PDB file of all heavy atoms in Angstrom:
ATOM      1  N   SER A   1      -4.837   5.932 -19.637  1.00  0.00           N
ATOM      2  CA  SER A   1      -4.058   4.838 -19.051  1.00  0.00           C
ATOM      3  C   SER A   1      -2.968   5.366 -18.135  1.00  0.00           C
ATOM      4  O   SER A   1      -2.666   4.775 -17.094  1.00  0.00           O
ATOM      5  CB  SER A   1      -3.438   3.970 -20.159  1.00  0.00           C
ATOM      6  OG  SER A   1      -4.456   3.405 -20.966  1.00  0.00           O
ATOM      7  N   GLY A   2      -2.375   6.499 -18.495  1.00  0.00           N
ATOM      8  CA  GLY A   2      -1.367   7.108 -17.643  1.00  0.00           C
ATOM      9  C   GLY A   2      -1.949   7.578 -16.327  1.00  0.00           C
ATOM     10  O   GLY A   2      -1.322   7.438 -15.262  1.00  0.00           O
ATOM     11  N   ALA A   3      -3.152   8.163 -16.377  1.00  0.00           N
ATOM     12  CA  ALA A   3      -3.826   8.587 -15.148  1.00  0.00           C
ATOM     13  C   ALA A   3      -4.089   7.390 -14.249  1.00  0.00           C
ATOM     14  O   ALA A   3      -3.873   7.439 -13.028  1.00  0.00           O
ATOM     15  CB  ALA A   3      -5.128   9.303 -15.483  1.00  0.00           C
ATOM     16  N   LEU A   4      -4.553   6.305 -14.850  1.00  0.00           N
ATOM     17  CA  LEU A   4      -4.849   5.100 -14.081  1.00  0.00           C
ATOM     18  C   LEU A   4      -3.581   4.523 -13.459  1.00  0.00           C
ATOM     19  O   LEU A   4      -3.590   4.076 -12.298  1.00  0.00           O
ATOM     20  CB  LEU A   4      -5.520   4.076 -15.006  1.00  0.00           C
ATOM     21  CG  LEU A   4      -6.286   2.926 -14.372  1.00  0.00           C
ATOM     22  CD1 LEU A   4      -7.278   3.405 -13.327  1.00  0.00           C
ATOM     23  CD2 LEU A   4      -7.001   2.134 -15.471  1.00  0.00           C
ATOM     24  N   GLU A   5      -2.483   4.571 -14.188  1.00  0.00           N
ATOM     25  CA  GLU A   5      -1.206   4.067 -13.657  1.00  0.00           C
ATOM     26  C   GLU A   5      -0.733   4.925 -12.489  1.00  0.00           C
ATOM     27  O   GLU A   5      -0.240   4.397 -11.485  1.00  0.00           O
ATOM     28  CB  GLU A   5      -0.150   4.035 -14.769  1.00  0.00           C
ATOM     29  CG  GLU A   5       1.256   3.669 -14.295  1.00  0.00           C
ATOM     30  CD  GLU A   5       1.392   2.261 -13.729  1.00  0.00           C
ATOM     31  OE1 GLU A   5       0.445   1.460 -13.866  1.00  0.00           O
ATOM     32  OE2 GLU A   5       2.452   1.969 -13.131  1.00  0.00           O
ATOM     33  N   ASP A   6      -0.866   6.245 -12.609  1.00  0.00           N
ATOM     34  CA  ASP A   6      -0.468   7.129 -11.502  1.00  0.00           C
ATOM     35  C   ASP A   6      -1.238   6.769 -10.227  1.00  0.00           C
ATOM     36  O   ASP A   6      -0.656   6.744  -9.128  1.00  0.00           O
ATOM     37  CB  ASP A   6      -0.752   8.589 -11.862  1.00  0.00           C
ATOM     38  CG  ASP A   6       0.296   9.187 -12.777  1.00  0.00           C
ATOM     39  OD1 ASP A   6       1.350   8.548 -12.967  1.00  0.00           O
ATOM     40  OD2 ASP A   6       0.061  10.293 -13.301  1.00  0.00           O
ATOM     41  N   ILE A   7      -2.510   6.506 -10.375  1.00  0.00           N
ATOM     42  CA  ILE A   7      -3.330   6.148  -9.216  1.00  0.00           C
ATOM     43  C   ILE A   7      -2.921   4.776  -8.689  1.00  0.00           C
ATOM     44  O   ILE A   7      -2.772   4.564  -7.478  1.00  0.00           O
ATOM     45  CB  ILE A   7      -4.822   6.161  -9.579  1.00  0.00           C
ATOM     46  CG1 ILE A   7      -5.260   7.546 -10.071  1.00  0.00           C
ATOM     47  CG2 ILE A   7      -5.679   5.735  -8.388  1.00  0.00           C
ATOM     48  CD1 ILE A   7      -6.607   7.547 -10.776  1.00  0.00           C
ATOM     49  N   TRP A   8      -2.712   3.843  -9.609  1.00  0.00           N
ATOM     50  CA  TRP A   8      -2.442   2.458  -9.191  1.00  0.00           C
ATOM     51  C   TRP A   8      -1.097   2.306  -8.505  1.00  0.00           C
ATOM     52  O   TRP A   8      -0.913   1.426  -7.666  1.00  0.00           O
ATOM     53  CB  TRP A   8      -2.573   1.493 -10.372  1.00  0.00           C
ATOM     54  CG  TRP A   8      -3.214   0.224  -9.916  1.00  0.00           C
ATOM     55  CD1 TRP A   8      -2.611  -0.971  -9.654  1.00  0.00           C
ATOM     56  CD2 TRP A   8      -4.589   0.061  -9.583  1.00  0.00           C
ATOM     57  NE1 TRP A   8      -3.539  -1.870  -9.195  1.00  0.00           N
ATOM     58  CE2 TRP A   8      -4.760  -1.269  -9.145  1.00  0.00           C
ATOM     59  CE3 TRP A   8      -5.696   0.904  -9.621  1.00  0.00           C
ATOM     60  CZ2 TRP A   8      -5.993  -1.769  -8.753  1.00  0.00           C
ATOM     61  CZ3 TRP A   8      -6.936   0.409  -9.235  1.00  0.00           C
ATOM     62  CH2 TRP A   8      -7.066  -0.915  -8.800  1.00  0.00           C
ATOM     63  N   LEU A   9      -0.159   3.168  -8.835  1.00  0.00           N
ATOM     64  CA  LEU A   9       1.120   3.146  -8.124  1.00  0.00           C
ATOM     65  C   LEU A   9       0.899   3.376  -6.630  1.00  0.00           C
ATOM     66  O   LEU A   9       1.579   2.773  -5.791  1.00  0.00           O
ATOM     67  CB  LEU A   9       2.055   4.221  -8.686  1.00  0.00           C
ATOM     68  CG  LEU A   9       2.686   3.926 -10.052  1.00  0.00           C
ATOM     69  CD1 LEU A   9       3.427   5.149 -10.571  1.00  0.00           C
ATOM     70  CD2 LEU A   9       3.625   2.724  -9.970  1.00  0.00           C
ATOM     71  N   ARG A  10      -0.080   4.222  -6.298  1.00  0.00           N
ATOM     72  CA  ARG A  10      -0.368   4.473  -4.878  1.00  0.00           C
ATOM     73  C   ARG A  10      -1.110   3.308  -4.252  1.00  0.00           C
ATOM     74  O   ARG A  10      -0.903   3.000  -3.074  1.00  0.00           O
ATOM     75  CB  ARG A  10      -1.178   5.758  -4.728  1.00  0.00           C
ATOM     76  CG  ARG A  10      -0.352   7.028  -4.679  1.00  0.00           C
ATOM     77  CD  ARG A  10       0.399   7.296  -5.954  1.00  0.00           C
ATOM     78  NE  ARG A  10       1.188   8.530  -5.900  1.00  0.00           N
ATOM     79  CZ  ARG A  10       1.757   9.060  -6.973  1.00  0.00           C
ATOM     80  NH1 ARG A  10       1.653   8.466  -8.165  1.00  0.00           N
ATOM     81  NH2 ARG A  10       2.465  10.180  -6.856  1.00  0.00           N
ATOM     82  N   VAL A  11      -1.957   2.647  -5.023  1.00  0.00           N
ATOM     83  CA  VAL A  11      -2.631   1.452  -4.510  1.00  0.00           C
ATOM     84  C   VAL A  11      -1.585   0.399  -4.146  1.00  0.00           C
ATOM     85  O   VAL A  11      -1.625  -0.205  -3.059  1.00  0.00           O
ATOM     86  CB  VAL A  11      -3.634   0.899  -5.544  1.00  0.00           C
ATOM     87  CG1 VAL A  11      -4.216  -0.436  -5.086  1.00  0.00           C
ATOM     88  CG2 VAL A  11      -4.751   1.911  -5.803  1.00  0.00           C
ATOM     89  N   ARG A  12      -0.638   0.200  -5.033  1.00  0.00           N
ATOM     90  CA  ARG A  12       0.423  -0.777  -4.767  1.00  0.00           C
ATOM     91  C   ARG A  12       1.281  -0.346  -3.575  1.00  0.00           C
ATOM     92  O   ARG A  12       1.696  -1.170  -2.759  1.00  0.00           O
ATOM     93  CB  ARG A  12       1.300  -0.933  -6.007  1.00  0.00           C
ATOM     94  CG  ARG A  12       0.642  -1.689  -7.146  1.00  0.00           C
ATOM     95  CD  ARG A  12       1.677  -1.993  -8.209  1.00  0.00           C
ATOM     96  NE  ARG A  12       1.089  -2.692  -9.326  1.00  0.00           N
ATOM     97  CZ  ARG A  12       1.332  -2.393 -10.603  1.00  0.00           C
ATOM     98  NH1 ARG A  12       2.128  -1.385 -10.895  1.00  0.00           N
ATOM     99  NH2 ARG A  12       0.794  -3.076 -11.569  1.00  0.00           N
ATOM    100  N   TRP A  13       1.582   0.951  -3.506  1.00  0.00           N
ATOM    101  CA  TRP A  13       2.404   1.434  -2.400  1.00  0.00           C
ATOM    102  C   TRP A  13       1.712   1.197  -1.069  1.00  0.00           C
ATOM    103  O   TRP A  13       2.347   0.783  -0.099  1.00  0.00           O
ATOM    104  CB  TRP A  13       2.693   2.935  -2.581  1.00  0.00           C
ATOM    105  CG  TRP A  13       3.700   3.435  -1.590  1.00  0.00           C
ATOM    106  CD1 TRP A  13       5.054   3.478  -1.744  1.00  0.00           C
ATOM    107  CD2 TRP A  13       3.430   3.895  -0.263  1.00  0.00           C
ATOM    108  NE1 TRP A  13       5.653   3.956  -0.596  1.00  0.00           N
ATOM    109  CE2 TRP A  13       4.675   4.220   0.338  1.00  0.00           C
ATOM    110  CE3 TRP A  13       2.273   4.070   0.490  1.00  0.00           C
ATOM    111  CZ2 TRP A  13       4.783   4.710   1.628  1.00  0.00           C
ATOM    112  CZ3 TRP A  13       2.369   4.556   1.782  1.00  0.00           C
ATOM    113  CH2 TRP A  13       3.610   4.877   2.344  1.00  0.00           C
ATOM    114  N   LEU A  14       0.406   1.444  -1.013  1.00  0.00           N
ATOM    115  CA  LEU A  14      -0.340   1.221   0.229  1.00  0.00           C
ATOM    116  C   LEU A  14      -0.305  -0.258   0.637  1.00  0.00           C
ATOM    117  O   LEU A  14      -0.204  -0.584   1.825  1.00  0.00           O
ATOM    118  CB  LEU A  14      -1.790   1.699   0.075  1.00  0.00           C
ATOM    119  CG  LEU A  14      -1.985   3.219   0.024  1.00  0.00           C
ATOM    120  CD1 LEU A  14      -3.415   3.558  -0.390  1.00  0.00           C
ATOM    121  CD2 LEU A  14      -1.650   3.867   1.364  1.00  0.00           C
ATOM    122  N   ASN A  15      -0.379  -1.139  -0.352  1.00  0.00           N
ATOM    123  CA  ASN A  15      -0.262  -2.567  -0.048  1.00  0.00           C
ATOM    124  C   ASN A  15       1.110  -2.893   0.539  1.00  0.00           C
ATOM    125  O   ASN A  15       1.230  -3.651   1.507  1.00  0.00           O
ATOM    126  CB  ASN A  15      -0.503  -3.399  -1.318  1.00  0.00           C
ATOM    127  CG  ASN A  15      -1.966  -3.688  -1.556  1.00  0.00           C
ATOM    128  OD1 ASN A  15      -2.577  -4.469  -0.831  1.00  0.00           O
ATOM    129  ND2 ASN A  15      -2.537  -3.048  -2.564  1.00  0.00           N
ATOM    130  N   GLY A  16       2.134  -2.315  -0.053  1.00  0.00           N
ATOM    131  CA  GLY A  16       3.475  -2.536   0.476  1.00  0.00           C
ATOM    132  C   GLY A  16       3.634  -1.949   1.866  1.00  0.00           C
ATOM    133  O   GLY A  16       4.324  -2.531   2.729  1.00  0.00           O
ATOM    134  N   PHE A  17       2.988  -0.822   2.121  1.00  0.00           N
ATOM    135  CA  PHE A  17       3.043  -0.174   3.423  1.00  0.00           C
ATOM    136  C   PHE A  17       2.421  -1.065   4.499  1.00  0.00           C
ATOM    137  O   PHE A  17       2.973  -1.214   5.595  1.00  0.00           O
ATOM    138  CB  PHE A  17       2.311   1.171   3.344  1.00  0.00           C
ATOM    139  CG  PHE A  17       2.291   1.944   4.632  1.00  0.00           C
ATOM    140  CD1 PHE A  17       3.443   2.546   5.122  1.00  0.00           C
ATOM    141  CD2 PHE A  17       1.112   2.077   5.347  1.00  0.00           C
ATOM    142  CE1 PHE A  17       3.425   3.264   6.314  1.00  0.00           C
ATOM    143  CE2 PHE A  17       1.079   2.789   6.528  1.00  0.00           C
ATOM    144  CZ  PHE A  17       2.236   3.388   7.020  1.00  0.00           C
ATOM    145  N   VAL A  18       1.292  -1.682   4.181  1.00  0.00           N
ATOM    146  CA  VAL A  18       0.650  -2.599   5.132  1.00  0.00           C
ATOM    147  C   VAL A  18       1.597  -3.733   5.481  1.00  0.00           C
ATOM    148  O   VAL A  18       1.797  -4.081   6.657  1.00  0.00           O
ATOM    149  CB  VAL A  18      -0.668  -3.169   4.560  1.00  0.00           C
ATOM    150  CG1 VAL A  18      -1.221  -4.251   5.480  1.00  0.00           C
ATOM    151  CG2 VAL A  18      -1.693  -2.063   4.388  1.00  0.00           C
ATOM    152  N   GLN A  19       2.194  -4.315   4.454  1.00  0.00           N
ATOM    153  CA  GLN A  19       3.075  -5.457   4.694  1.00  0.00           C
ATOM    154  C   GLN A  19       4.302  -5.063   5.515  1.00  0.00           C
ATOM    155  O   GLN A  19       4.751  -5.822   6.382  1.00  0.00           O
ATOM    156  CB  GLN A  19       3.519  -6.053   3.353  1.00  0.00           C
ATOM    157  CG  GLN A  19       2.398  -6.740   2.579  1.00  0.00           C
ATOM    158  CD  GLN A  19       1.730  -7.840   3.392  1.00  0.00           C
ATOM    159  OE1 GLN A  19       0.542  -7.756   3.718  1.00  0.00           O
ATOM    160  NE2 GLN A  19       2.506  -8.874   3.726  1.00  0.00           N
ATOM    161  N   SER A  20       4.836  -3.884   5.268  1.00  0.00           N
ATOM    162  CA  SER A  20       6.047  -3.481   5.983  1.00  0.00           C
ATOM    163  C   SER A  20       5.766  -3.074   7.430  1.00  0.00           C
ATOM    164  O   SER A  20       6.593  -3.306   8.322  1.00  0.00           O
ATOM    165  CB  SER A  20       6.726  -2.328   5.243  1.00  0.00           C
ATOM    166  OG  SER A  20       5.921  -1.151   5.289  1.00  0.00           O
ATOM    167  N   GLN A  21       4.592  -2.507   7.676  1.00  0.00           N
ATOM    168  CA  GLN A  21       4.271  -2.008   9.025  1.00  0.00           C
ATOM    169  C   GLN A  21       3.648  -3.074   9.930  1.00  0.00           C
ATOM    170  O   GLN A  21       3.681  -2.944  11.154  1.00  0.00           O
ATOM    171  CB  GLN A  21       3.323  -0.804   8.925  1.00  0.00           C
ATOM    172  CG  GLN A  21       3.898   0.381   8.174  1.00  0.00           C
ATOM    173  CD  GLN A  21       5.166   0.906   8.805  1.00  0.00           C
ATOM    174  OE1 GLN A  21       5.221   1.178  10.013  1.00  0.00           O
ATOM    175  NE2 GLN A  21       6.224   1.027   8.004  1.00  0.00           N
ATOM    176  N   GLU A  22       3.052  -4.087   9.317  1.00  0.00           N
ATOM    177  CA  GLU A  22       2.457  -5.201  10.064  1.00  0.00           C
ATOM    178  C   GLU A  22       1.581  -4.723  11.234  1.00  0.00           C
ATOM    179  O   GLU A  22       1.869  -4.996  12.405  1.00  0.00           O
ATOM    180  CB  GLU A  22       3.561  -6.138  10.587  1.00  0.00           C
ATOM    181  CG  GLU A  22       4.394  -6.739   9.469  1.00  0.00           C
ATOM    182  CD  GLU A  22       5.468  -7.687  10.004  1.00  0.00           C
ATOM    183  OE1 GLU A  22       6.141  -7.322  11.012  1.00  0.00           O
ATOM    184  OE2 GLU A  22       5.606  -8.794   9.447  1.00  0.00           O
ATOM    185  N   PRO A  23       0.514  -4.018  10.949  1.00  0.00           N
ATOM    186  CA  PRO A  23      -0.341  -3.482  12.025  1.00  0.00           C
ATOM    187  C   PRO A  23      -0.934  -4.572  12.924  1.00  0.00           C
ATOM    188  O   PRO A  23      -1.218  -4.312  14.099  1.00  0.00           O
ATOM    189  CB  PRO A  23      -1.428  -2.712  11.269  1.00  0.00           C
ATOM    190  CG  PRO A  23      -1.352  -3.183   9.853  1.00  0.00           C
ATOM    191  CD  PRO A  23       0.041  -3.593   9.604  1.00  0.00           C
ATOM    192  N   TRP A  24      -1.091  -5.778  12.404  1.00  0.00           N
ATOM    193  CA  TRP A  24      -1.616  -6.874  13.221  1.00  0.00           C
ATOM    194  C   TRP A  24      -0.658  -7.223  14.357  1.00  0.00           C
ATOM    195  O   TRP A  24      -1.099  -7.713  15.400  1.00  0.00           O
ATOM    196  CB  TRP A  24      -1.910  -8.098  12.350  1.00  0.00           C
ATOM    197  CG  TRP A  24      -0.785  -8.447  11.421  1.00  0.00           C
ATOM    198  CD1 TRP A  24       0.267  -9.268  11.647  1.00  0.00           C
ATOM    199  CD2 TRP A  24      -0.616  -7.924  10.088  1.00  0.00           C
ATOM    200  NE1 TRP A  24       1.098  -9.307  10.561  1.00  0.00           N
ATOM    201  CE2 TRP A  24       0.588  -8.512   9.580  1.00  0.00           C
ATOM    202  CE3 TRP A  24      -1.330  -7.056   9.270  1.00  0.00           C
ATOM    203  CZ2 TRP A  24       1.065  -8.221   8.293  1.00  0.00           C
ATOM    204  CZ3 TRP A  24      -0.864  -6.776   8.003  1.00  0.00           C
ATOM    205  CH2 TRP A  24       0.327  -7.353   7.523  1.00  0.00           C
ATOM    206  N   LYS A  25       0.614  -6.962  14.187  1.00  0.00           N
ATOM    207  CA  LYS A  25       1.581  -7.171  15.271  1.00  0.00           C
ATOM    208  C   LYS A  25       1.555  -6.002  16.258  1.00  0.00           C
ATOM    209  O   LYS A  25       1.653  -6.193  17.469  1.00  0.00           O
ATOM    210  CB  LYS A  25       2.978  -7.367  14.708  1.00  0.00           C
ATOM    211  CG  LYS A  25       3.172  -8.674  13.964  1.00  0.00           C
ATOM    212  CD  LYS A  25       4.619  -8.868  13.542  1.00  0.00           C
ATOM    213  CE  LYS A  25       4.815 -10.201  12.839  1.00  0.00           C
ATOM    214  NZ  LYS A  25       6.227 -10.395  12.400  1.00  0.00           N
ATOM    215  N   LEU A  26       1.428  -4.794  15.689  1.00  0.00           N
ATOM    216  CA  LEU A  26       1.363  -3.622  16.563  1.00  0.00           C
ATOM    217  C   LEU A  26       0.161  -3.690  17.501  1.00  0.00           C
ATOM    218  O   LEU A  26       0.225  -3.208  18.640  1.00  0.00           O
ATOM    219  CB  LEU A  26       1.264  -2.338  15.725  1.00  0.00           C
ATOM    220  CG  LEU A  26       2.449  -1.986  14.832  1.00  0.00           C
ATOM    221  CD1 LEU A  26       2.193  -0.670  14.114  1.00  0.00           C
ATOM    222  CD2 LEU A  26       3.736  -1.907  15.642  1.00  0.00           C
ATOM    223  N   ALA A  27      -0.929  -4.304  17.013  1.00  0.00           N
ATOM    224  CA  ALA A  27      -2.151  -4.374  17.816  1.00  0.00           C
ATOM    225  C   ALA A  27      -1.953  -5.180  19.097  1.00  0.00           C
ATOM    226  O   ALA A  27      -2.713  -5.028  20.059  1.00  0.00           O
ATOM    227  CB  ALA A  27      -3.280  -4.976  16.985  1.00  0.00           C
ATOM    228  N   LYS A  28      -0.920  -6.014  19.099  1.00  0.00           N
ATOM    229  CA  LYS A  28      -0.654  -6.839  20.294  1.00  0.00           C
ATOM    230  C   LYS A  28       0.199  -6.114  21.338  1.00  0.00           C
ATOM    231  O   LYS A  28       0.417  -6.634  22.427  1.00  0.00           O
ATOM    232  CB  LYS A  28       0.045  -8.131  19.862  1.00  0.00           C
ATOM    233  CG  LYS A  28      -0.791  -8.999  18.932  1.00  0.00           C
ATOM    234  CD  LYS A  28       0.015 -10.205  18.448  1.00  0.00           C
ATOM    235  CE  LYS A  28      -0.794 -11.051  17.463  1.00  0.00           C
ATOM    236  NZ  LYS A  28      -0.012 -12.199  16.959  1.00  0.00           N
TER     237      LYS A  28
END
């Protein structure tokens, strides 16, 4: 479970990164 949590923290971080960077706006 600890291994899975370590991995999932990065999954969540990547989601936050998408929201903060807003690539759909950069594309314009």
